[in-house]
Amino acid sequence: MSFHDASVAAYLQILNSLTGILGKAEAHCTAKKIQPEVLLGARLYPDMLPLSRQIQLACDFATKGCARLTHSEVPSIPDTEKSFDELKARLANTIDYVKAFKPAQFDGAETRDVTFPTGPDKTTTMKGQQFLSHFSLPNFYFHAVTAHDILRHNGVEIGKRDFLGV
């Protein structure tokens, strides 16, 4: 398996599934007469981030992960989404961005140094393989599964197949 496939394909699978579960969440709000902002602001626990932020962060880890692995410019995307449509647009833009990376851009990425911020005045450097498997993908999956779990906890009829996008 190429390094491109190990990263891009993983990001795309879950980004597409997040798009699907957001559609089901929006339909759930309509059917149950729930204001969308209630579900978008839902959290699993008071000190955790809300659904909308979980989606934004999943998008960020996919976007920034690909950019950093290929030593491309890391885009800065403001977190302004406040509706299902805006979050679905962010997911669509992220999917397009990730799809645009070519396999050749990932050549040698597994041994390439990747430096990224890990605090206000701190950076960490890892080899690409370590960055992908120990930082980028775990954080990406954490936020994606948390978004899924927030929706499931709030009664949206989704399950493991929805998360996996199958």
N, C-alpha and C. Protein backbone atom coordinates (compact mmCIF):
# COMPACT_ATOMS: atom_id res chain seq x y z
N MET A 1 0.84 -1.18 0.00
CA MET A 1 0.00 0.00 0.00
C MET A 1 0.89 1.24 0.00
N SER A 2 0.56 2.19 -0.84
CA SER A 2 1.34 3.42 -0.89
C SER A 2 1.01 4.31 0.31
N PHE A 3 1.91 5.22 0.60
CA PHE A 3 1.68 6.14 1.71
C PHE A 3 0.50 7.05 1.39
N HIS A 4 0.32 7.40 0.13
CA HIS A 4 -0.83 8.18 -0.32
C HIS A 4 -2.12 7.44 0.05
N ASP A 5 -2.18 6.15 -0.28
CA ASP A 5 -3.38 5.37 0.01
C ASP A 5 -3.62 5.23 1.51
N ALA A 6 -2.55 5.10 2.27
CA ALA A 6 -2.67 4.94 3.72
C ALA A 6 -3.21 6.20 4.38
N SER A 7 -3.02 7.33 3.77
CA SER A 7 -3.48 8.58 4.37
C SER A 7 -4.73 9.12 3.67
N VAL A 8 -4.63 9.42 2.40
CA VAL A 8 -5.74 10.04 1.67
C VAL A 8 -7.00 9.17 1.71
N ALA A 9 -6.84 7.89 1.43
CA ALA A 9 -8.02 7.01 1.42
C ALA A 9 -8.68 6.94 2.80
N ALA A 10 -7.88 6.91 3.84
CA ALA A 10 -8.43 6.86 5.21
C ALA A 10 -9.21 8.13 5.52
N TYR A 11 -8.61 9.28 5.19
CA TYR A 11 -9.31 10.54 5.43
C TYR A 11 -10.62 10.60 4.64
N LEU A 12 -10.56 10.25 3.36
CA LEU A 12 -11.75 10.37 2.51
C LEU A 12 -12.89 9.47 2.95
N GLN A 13 -12.58 8.26 3.37
CA GLN A 13 -13.64 7.34 3.82
C GLN A 13 -14.46 7.97 4.93
N ILE A 14 -13.78 8.50 5.91
CA ILE A 14 -14.49 9.03 7.09
C ILE A 14 -15.09 10.41 6.81
N LEU A 15 -14.42 11.23 6.03
CA LEU A 15 -15.02 12.53 5.66
C LEU A 15 -16.34 12.31 4.92
N ASN A 16 -16.38 11.33 4.04
CA ASN A 16 -17.63 11.03 3.34
C ASN A 16 -18.68 10.49 4.30
N SER A 17 -18.27 9.66 5.25
CA SER A 17 -19.25 9.14 6.21
C SER A 17 -19.79 10.26 7.11
N LEU A 18 -18.93 11.21 7.47
CA LEU A 18 -19.40 12.36 8.27
C LEU A 18 -20.44 13.16 7.50
N THR A 19 -20.25 13.30 6.21
CA THR A 19 -21.24 13.98 5.38
C THR A 19 -22.58 13.25 5.46
N GLY A 20 -22.53 11.93 5.37
CA GLY A 20 -23.75 11.13 5.45
C GLY A 20 -24.45 11.23 6.79
N ILE A 21 -23.67 11.17 7.88
CA ILE A 21 -24.32 11.23 9.19
C ILE A 21 -24.85 12.63 9.49
N LEU A 22 -24.22 13.66 8.94
CA LEU A 22 -24.78 15.00 9.12
C LEU A 22 -26.12 15.13 8.40
N GLY A 23 -26.23 14.49 7.24
CA GLY A 23 -27.52 14.48 6.54
C GLY A 23 -28.59 13.79 7.36
N LYS A 24 -28.25 12.69 7.99
CA LYS A 24 -29.21 11.98 8.85
C LYS A 24 -29.54 12.82 10.09
N ALA A 25 -28.56 13.54 10.61
CA ALA A 25 -28.81 14.39 11.78
C ALA A 25 -29.77 15.53 11.42
N GLU A 26 -29.57 16.10 10.26
CA GLU A 26 -30.46 17.18 9.82
C GLU A 26 -31.89 16.66 9.64
N ALA A 27 -32.03 15.48 9.04
CA ALA A 27 -33.35 14.87 8.87
C ALA A 27 -33.98 14.55 10.23
N HIS A 28 -33.16 14.11 11.17
CA HIS A 28 -33.64 13.83 12.52
C HIS A 28 -34.20 15.10 13.16
N CYS A 29 -33.49 16.19 13.02
CA CYS A 29 -33.97 17.47 13.57
C CYS A 29 -35.32 17.85 12.97
N THR A 30 -35.45 17.69 11.68
CA THR A 30 -36.71 18.03 11.01
C THR A 30 -37.83 17.12 11.51
N ALA A 31 -37.59 15.83 11.54
CA ALA A 31 -38.62 14.86 11.94
C ALA A 31 -39.05 15.04 13.39
N LYS A 32 -38.10 15.36 14.26
CA LYS A 32 -38.40 15.47 15.69
C LYS A 32 -38.65 16.91 16.14
N LYS A 33 -38.65 17.83 15.17
CA LYS A 33 -38.86 19.25 15.45
C LYS A 33 -37.86 19.80 16.48
N ILE A 34 -36.58 19.44 16.25
CA ILE A 34 -35.48 19.91 17.09
C ILE A 34 -34.79 21.04 16.35
N GLN A 35 -34.54 22.14 17.02
CA GLN A 35 -33.81 23.23 16.40
C GLN A 35 -32.39 22.75 16.06
N PRO A 36 -31.92 22.93 14.84
CA PRO A 36 -30.59 22.43 14.45
C PRO A 36 -29.47 22.89 15.38
N GLU A 37 -29.55 24.12 15.85
CA GLU A 37 -28.47 24.62 16.71
C GLU A 37 -28.36 23.84 18.03
N VAL A 38 -29.47 23.22 18.45
CA VAL A 38 -29.43 22.41 19.66
C VAL A 38 -28.53 21.19 19.43
N LEU A 39 -28.72 20.51 18.32
CA LEU A 39 -27.91 19.34 18.02
C LEU A 39 -26.48 19.74 17.67
N LEU A 40 -26.31 20.83 16.93
CA LEU A 40 -24.96 21.29 16.55
C LEU A 40 -24.15 21.71 17.78
N GLY A 41 -24.83 22.11 18.83
CA GLY A 41 -24.15 22.51 20.06
C GLY A 41 -24.06 21.40 21.10
N ALA A 42 -24.56 20.22 20.76
CA ALA A 42 -24.58 19.11 21.71
C ALA A 42 -23.16 18.61 22.00
N ARG A 43 -22.96 18.16 23.23
CA ARG A 43 -21.67 17.63 23.70
C ARG A 43 -21.93 16.31 24.40
N LEU A 44 -20.90 15.47 24.48
CA LEU A 44 -21.03 14.24 25.25
C LEU A 44 -20.88 14.52 26.74
N TYR A 45 -20.14 15.56 27.06
CA TYR A 45 -19.90 15.94 28.45
C TYR A 45 -19.62 17.44 28.46
N PRO A 46 -19.98 18.16 29.52
CA PRO A 46 -19.86 19.61 29.51
C PRO A 46 -18.48 20.15 29.14
N ASP A 47 -17.40 19.43 29.47
CA ASP A 47 -16.08 19.98 29.16
C ASP A 47 -15.55 19.53 27.79
N MET A 48 -16.40 18.86 27.01
CA MET A 48 -16.00 18.44 25.66
C MET A 48 -16.53 19.45 24.65
N LEU A 49 -15.93 19.42 23.47
CA LEU A 49 -16.34 20.33 22.40
C LEU A 49 -17.66 19.87 21.76
N PRO A 50 -18.44 20.82 21.23
CA PRO A 50 -19.73 20.47 20.64
C PRO A 50 -19.57 19.81 19.26
N LEU A 51 -20.66 19.26 18.78
CA LEU A 51 -20.69 18.57 17.50
C LEU A 51 -20.06 19.40 16.38
N SER A 52 -20.45 20.66 16.26
CA SER A 52 -19.92 21.47 15.16
C SER A 52 -18.39 21.55 15.21
N ARG A 53 -17.84 21.70 16.38
CA ARG A 53 -16.37 21.80 16.52
C ARG A 53 -15.70 20.46 16.23
N GLN A 54 -16.37 19.35 16.58
CA GLN A 54 -15.81 18.03 16.28
C GLN A 54 -15.66 17.85 14.77
N ILE A 55 -16.66 18.29 14.02
CA ILE A 55 -16.61 18.20 12.55
C ILE A 55 -15.48 19.09 12.01
N GLN A 56 -15.40 20.31 12.52
CA GLN A 56 -14.35 21.23 12.07
C GLN A 56 -12.97 20.64 12.33
N LEU A 57 -12.77 20.06 13.50
CA LEU A 57 -11.46 19.50 13.83
C LEU A 57 -11.14 18.26 12.99
N ALA A 58 -12.12 17.42 12.72
CA ALA A 58 -11.87 16.28 11.83
C ALA A 58 -11.40 16.79 10.46
N CYS A 59 -12.07 17.82 9.96
CA CYS A 59 -11.66 18.41 8.68
C CYS A 59 -10.24 18.96 8.77
N ASP A 60 -9.93 19.64 9.87
CA ASP A 60 -8.59 20.22 10.05
C ASP A 60 -7.50 19.14 10.07
N PHE A 61 -7.75 18.04 10.76
CA PHE A 61 -6.72 17.01 10.83
C PHE A 61 -6.49 16.36 9.47
N ALA A 62 -7.52 16.22 8.66
CA ALA A 62 -7.35 15.68 7.30
C ALA A 62 -6.59 16.67 6.42
N THR A 63 -7.02 17.91 6.44
CA THR A 63 -6.40 18.94 5.61
C THR A 63 -4.94 19.16 5.99
N LYS A 64 -4.73 19.41 7.26
CA LYS A 64 -3.37 19.71 7.72
C LYS A 64 -2.47 18.49 7.67
N GLY A 65 -3.06 17.31 7.87
CA GLY A 65 -2.27 16.08 7.79
C GLY A 65 -1.69 15.91 6.39
N CYS A 66 -2.54 16.04 5.38
CA CYS A 66 -2.06 15.91 3.99
C CYS A 66 -1.05 17.00 3.66
N ALA A 67 -1.33 18.22 4.06
CA ALA A 67 -0.42 19.33 3.77
C ALA A 67 0.95 19.10 4.42
N ARG A 68 0.93 18.71 5.66
CA ARG A 68 2.21 18.53 6.37
C ARG A 68 2.99 17.33 5.83
N LEU A 69 2.32 16.26 5.49
CA LEU A 69 3.01 15.08 4.96
C LEU A 69 3.66 15.35 3.60
N THR A 70 3.07 16.25 2.85
CA THR A 70 3.60 16.57 1.51
C THR A 70 4.43 17.84 1.50
N HIS A 71 4.61 18.43 2.66
CA HIS A 71 5.31 19.71 2.80
C HIS A 71 4.68 20.79 1.92
N SER A 72 3.35 20.75 1.85
CA SER A 72 2.59 21.78 1.17
C SER A 72 2.23 22.86 2.18
N GLU A 73 1.80 24.00 1.67
CA GLU A 73 1.37 25.07 2.57
C GLU A 73 0.15 24.60 3.35
N VAL A 74 0.18 24.80 4.65
CA VAL A 74 -0.94 24.40 5.52
C VAL A 74 -1.99 25.50 5.46
N PRO A 75 -3.18 25.17 4.96
CA PRO A 75 -4.22 26.21 4.85
C PRO A 75 -4.78 26.60 6.22
N SER A 76 -5.17 27.84 6.30
CA SER A 76 -5.82 28.33 7.51
C SER A 76 -7.30 28.50 7.19
N ILE A 77 -8.14 27.77 7.90
CA ILE A 77 -9.57 27.80 7.64
C ILE A 77 -10.28 28.24 8.91
N PRO A 78 -10.97 29.38 8.85
CA PRO A 78 -11.67 29.85 10.05
C PRO A 78 -12.83 28.92 10.40
N ASP A 79 -13.11 28.82 11.68
CA ASP A 79 -14.18 27.96 12.18
C ASP A 79 -15.44 28.79 12.38
N THR A 80 -16.16 29.01 11.28
CA THR A 80 -17.32 29.91 11.31
C THR A 80 -18.65 29.20 11.07
N GLU A 81 -18.62 27.90 10.84
CA GLU A 81 -19.83 27.17 10.48
C GLU A 81 -20.81 27.11 11.65
N LYS A 82 -22.08 27.42 11.34
CA LYS A 82 -23.11 27.44 12.37
C LYS A 82 -24.36 26.66 11.96
N SER A 83 -24.31 25.98 10.81
CA SER A 83 -25.48 25.24 10.33
C SER A 83 -25.04 23.93 9.71
N PHE A 84 -26.00 23.04 9.51
CA PHE A 84 -25.70 21.78 8.85
C PHE A 84 -25.15 22.03 7.44
N ASP A 85 -25.79 22.96 6.72
CA ASP A 85 -25.34 23.25 5.35
C ASP A 85 -23.90 23.76 5.34
N GLU A 86 -23.57 24.63 6.27
CA GLU A 86 -22.20 25.16 6.33
C GLU A 86 -21.19 24.06 6.68
N LEU A 87 -21.56 23.17 7.60
CA LEU A 87 -20.65 22.07 7.95
C LEU A 87 -20.51 21.09 6.79
N LYS A 88 -21.61 20.83 6.07
CA LYS A 88 -21.52 19.94 4.91
C LYS A 88 -20.67 20.59 3.81
N ALA A 89 -20.74 21.90 3.67
CA ALA A 89 -19.89 22.59 2.70
C ALA A 89 -18.42 22.49 3.11
N ARG A 90 -18.16 22.62 4.40
CA ARG A 90 -16.77 22.48 4.86
C ARG A 90 -16.25 21.07 4.58
N LEU A 91 -17.08 20.07 4.85
CA LEU A 91 -16.68 18.70 4.54
C LEU A 91 -16.43 18.53 3.04
N ALA A 92 -17.31 19.08 2.21
CA ALA A 92 -17.14 18.97 0.75
C ALA A 92 -15.84 19.64 0.31
N ASN A 93 -15.55 20.81 0.86
CA ASN A 93 -14.30 21.50 0.52
C ASN A 93 -13.08 20.70 0.99
N THR A 94 -13.19 20.10 2.16
CA THR A 94 -12.09 19.28 2.67
C THR A 94 -11.89 18.06 1.79
N ILE A 95 -12.96 17.42 1.40
CA ILE A 95 -12.87 16.25 0.52
C ILE A 95 -12.19 16.64 -0.79
N ASP A 96 -12.60 17.75 -1.39
CA ASP A 96 -11.98 18.22 -2.64
C ASP A 96 -10.50 18.50 -2.45
N TYR A 97 -10.15 19.12 -1.33
CA TYR A 97 -8.75 19.44 -1.03
C TYR A 97 -7.92 18.17 -0.91
N VAL A 98 -8.42 17.21 -0.15
CA VAL A 98 -7.68 15.96 0.08
C VAL A 98 -7.57 15.16 -1.22
N LYS A 99 -8.65 15.12 -2.01
CA LYS A 99 -8.63 14.40 -3.29
C LYS A 99 -7.60 14.96 -4.27
N ALA A 100 -7.30 16.24 -4.14
CA ALA A 100 -6.38 16.89 -5.09
C ALA A 100 -4.93 16.44 -4.92
N PHE A 101 -4.60 15.82 -3.80
CA PHE A 101 -3.22 15.36 -3.60
C PHE A 101 -2.94 14.15 -4.48
N LYS A 102 -1.81 14.19 -5.15
CA LYS A 102 -1.40 13.11 -6.04
C LYS A 102 -0.45 12.16 -5.30
N PRO A 103 -0.47 10.89 -5.68
CA PRO A 103 0.42 9.92 -5.01
C PRO A 103 1.88 10.35 -4.98
N ALA A 104 2.36 10.96 -6.05
CA ALA A 104 3.78 11.36 -6.11
C ALA A 104 4.13 12.38 -5.02
N GLN A 105 3.16 13.16 -4.58
CA GLN A 105 3.43 14.15 -3.54
C GLN A 105 3.78 13.48 -2.21
N PHE A 106 3.37 12.22 -2.05
CA PHE A 106 3.63 11.49 -0.81
C PHE A 106 4.89 10.63 -0.89
N ASP A 107 5.56 10.65 -2.05
CA ASP A 107 6.80 9.86 -2.18
C ASP A 107 7.81 10.31 -1.13
N GLY A 108 8.26 9.39 -0.32
CA GLY A 108 9.23 9.68 0.73
C GLY A 108 8.64 10.29 1.98
N ALA A 109 7.32 10.47 2.01
CA ALA A 109 6.69 11.14 3.16
C ALA A 109 6.87 10.37 4.46
N GLU A 110 6.98 9.05 4.37
CA GLU A 110 7.08 8.26 5.60
C GLU A 110 8.36 8.55 6.38
N THR A 111 9.42 8.99 5.69
CA THR A 111 10.68 9.30 6.37
C THR A 111 10.96 10.80 6.45
N ARG A 112 10.07 11.59 5.90
CA ARG A 112 10.22 13.04 5.89
C ARG A 112 9.93 13.61 7.28
N ASP A 113 10.69 14.61 7.69
CA ASP A 113 10.40 15.29 8.96
C ASP A 113 9.14 16.12 8.82
N VAL A 114 8.25 15.98 9.78
CA VAL A 114 7.02 16.76 9.83
C VAL A 114 7.01 17.51 11.15
N THR A 115 6.97 18.82 11.05
CA THR A 115 6.94 19.68 12.24
C THR A 115 5.57 20.33 12.32
N PHE A 116 4.99 20.31 13.51
CA PHE A 116 3.64 20.83 13.69
C PHE A 116 3.51 21.42 15.09
N PRO A 117 2.57 22.37 15.25
CA PRO A 117 2.39 22.98 16.58
C PRO A 117 1.72 22.02 17.54
N THR A 118 2.20 22.04 18.79
CA THR A 118 1.59 21.23 19.85
C THR A 118 1.32 22.06 21.09
N GLY A 119 1.24 23.33 20.91
CA GLY A 119 0.96 24.25 22.01
C GLY A 119 1.17 25.67 21.53
N PRO A 120 0.88 26.63 22.38
CA PRO A 120 1.00 28.03 21.98
C PRO A 120 2.40 28.40 21.48
N ASP A 121 3.42 27.94 22.15
CA ASP A 121 4.80 28.27 21.77
C ASP A 121 5.65 27.02 21.63
N LYS A 122 5.04 25.93 21.16
CA LYS A 122 5.76 24.67 21.10
C LYS A 122 5.47 23.96 19.79
N THR A 123 6.48 23.33 19.23
CA THR A 123 6.30 22.48 18.06
C THR A 123 6.92 21.11 18.34
N THR A 124 6.47 20.16 17.58
CA THR A 124 7.00 18.80 17.67
C THR A 124 7.38 18.37 16.26
N THR A 125 8.44 17.60 16.15
CA THR A 125 8.85 17.06 14.85
C THR A 125 8.87 15.54 14.95
N MET A 126 8.27 14.91 13.96
CA MET A 126 8.23 13.45 13.86
C MET A 126 8.51 13.08 12.41
N LYS A 127 8.91 11.86 12.18
CA LYS A 127 8.97 11.33 10.82
C LYS A 127 7.54 11.15 10.34
N GLY A 128 7.33 11.22 9.04
CA GLY A 128 6.00 11.16 8.47
C GLY A 128 5.18 9.97 8.90
N GLN A 129 5.80 8.78 8.94
CA GLN A 129 5.07 7.58 9.35
C GLN A 129 4.56 7.71 10.78
N GLN A 130 5.41 8.19 11.66
CA GLN A 130 5.03 8.38 13.05
C GLN A 130 3.96 9.46 13.17
N PHE A 131 4.12 10.57 12.43
CA PHE A 131 3.14 11.65 12.44
C PHE A 131 1.77 11.13 12.02
N LEU A 132 1.71 10.36 10.94
CA LEU A 132 0.43 9.85 10.46
C LEU A 132 -0.18 8.86 11.44
N SER A 133 0.59 7.87 11.88
CA SER A 133 0.02 6.79 12.68
C SER A 133 -0.12 7.12 14.17
N HIS A 134 0.67 8.07 14.68
CA HIS A 134 0.60 8.37 16.11
C HIS A 134 -0.02 9.73 16.44
N PHE A 135 -0.24 10.56 15.44
CA PHE A 135 -0.79 11.88 15.74
C PHE A 135 -1.98 12.23 14.84
N SER A 136 -1.76 12.30 13.54
CA SER A 136 -2.80 12.81 12.65
C SER A 136 -4.02 11.90 12.58
N LEU A 137 -3.83 10.64 12.23
CA LEU A 137 -4.99 9.74 12.14
C LEU A 137 -5.68 9.52 13.49
N PRO A 138 -4.94 9.30 14.59
CA PRO A 138 -5.67 9.15 15.87
C PRO A 138 -6.52 10.37 16.23
N ASN A 139 -6.00 11.57 16.01
CA ASN A 139 -6.78 12.77 16.30
C ASN A 139 -7.97 12.90 15.35
N PHE A 140 -7.75 12.61 14.08
CA PHE A 140 -8.82 12.65 13.08
C PHE A 140 -9.94 11.70 13.48
N TYR A 141 -9.59 10.45 13.79
CA TYR A 141 -10.60 9.47 14.17
C TYR A 141 -11.28 9.83 15.50
N PHE A 142 -10.54 10.39 16.43
CA PHE A 142 -11.12 10.79 17.71
C PHE A 142 -12.27 11.79 17.48
N HIS A 143 -12.02 12.81 16.69
CA HIS A 143 -13.04 13.83 16.47
C HIS A 143 -14.20 13.30 15.63
N ALA A 144 -13.88 12.43 14.67
CA ALA A 144 -14.95 11.85 13.84
C ALA A 144 -15.86 10.95 14.67
N VAL A 145 -15.27 10.09 15.49
CA VAL A 145 -16.08 9.19 16.30
C VAL A 145 -16.83 9.96 17.39
N THR A 146 -16.25 11.02 17.90
CA THR A 146 -16.96 11.83 18.89
C THR A 146 -18.18 12.49 18.26
N ALA A 147 -18.04 12.98 17.03
CA ALA A 147 -19.19 13.55 16.31
C ALA A 147 -20.28 12.48 16.15
N HIS A 148 -19.87 11.30 15.72
CA HIS A 148 -20.81 10.18 15.57
C HIS A 148 -21.51 9.89 16.90
N ASP A 149 -20.73 9.81 17.96
CA ASP A 149 -21.28 9.46 19.27
C ASP A 149 -22.22 10.53 19.81
N ILE A 150 -21.91 11.79 19.55
CA ILE A 150 -22.82 12.87 19.97
C ILE A 150 -24.18 12.68 19.29
N LEU A 151 -24.15 12.40 18.00
CA LEU A 151 -25.40 12.23 17.27
C LEU A 151 -26.16 10.99 17.75
N ARG A 152 -25.46 9.90 17.94
CA ARG A 152 -26.11 8.67 18.41
C ARG A 152 -26.69 8.86 19.80
N HIS A 153 -25.95 9.54 20.67
CA HIS A 153 -26.41 9.80 22.03
C HIS A 153 -27.68 10.65 22.03
N ASN A 154 -27.83 11.48 21.00
CA ASN A 154 -28.99 12.36 20.90
C ASN A 154 -30.11 11.78 20.04
N GLY A 155 -30.05 10.48 19.80
CA GLY A 155 -31.17 9.79 19.17
C GLY A 155 -31.13 9.67 17.66
N VAL A 156 -30.10 10.18 17.01
CA VAL A 156 -30.01 10.02 15.56
C VAL A 156 -29.75 8.55 15.27
N GLU A 157 -30.54 7.98 14.39
CA GLU A 157 -30.45 6.55 14.11
C GLU A 157 -29.30 6.26 13.15
N ILE A 158 -28.11 6.16 13.74
CA ILE A 158 -26.91 5.83 12.99
C ILE A 158 -26.17 4.74 13.76
N GLY A 159 -25.31 4.05 13.07
CA GLY A 159 -24.55 2.99 13.70
C GLY A 159 -23.17 2.87 13.10
N LYS A 160 -22.55 1.75 13.35
CA LYS A 160 -21.18 1.51 12.92
C LYS A 160 -21.04 1.59 11.40
N ARG A 161 -21.99 1.05 10.67
CA ARG A 161 -21.93 1.11 9.20
C ARG A 161 -21.95 2.55 8.70
N ASP A 162 -22.70 3.40 9.37
CA ASP A 162 -22.73 4.82 9.00
C ASP A 162 -21.36 5.44 9.23
N PHE A 163 -20.74 5.10 10.36
CA PHE A 163 -19.42 5.65 10.65
C PHE A 163 -18.40 5.19 9.62
N LEU A 164 -18.48 3.92 9.25
CA LEU A 164 -17.52 3.37 8.29
C LEU A 164 -17.86 3.76 6.85
N GLY A 165 -19.06 4.26 6.62
CA GLY A 165 -19.44 4.69 5.28
C GLY A 165 -19.72 3.52 4.34
N VAL A 166 -20.22 2.42 4.90
CA VAL A 166 -20.51 1.24 4.06
C VAL A 166 -22.00 0.95 4.03
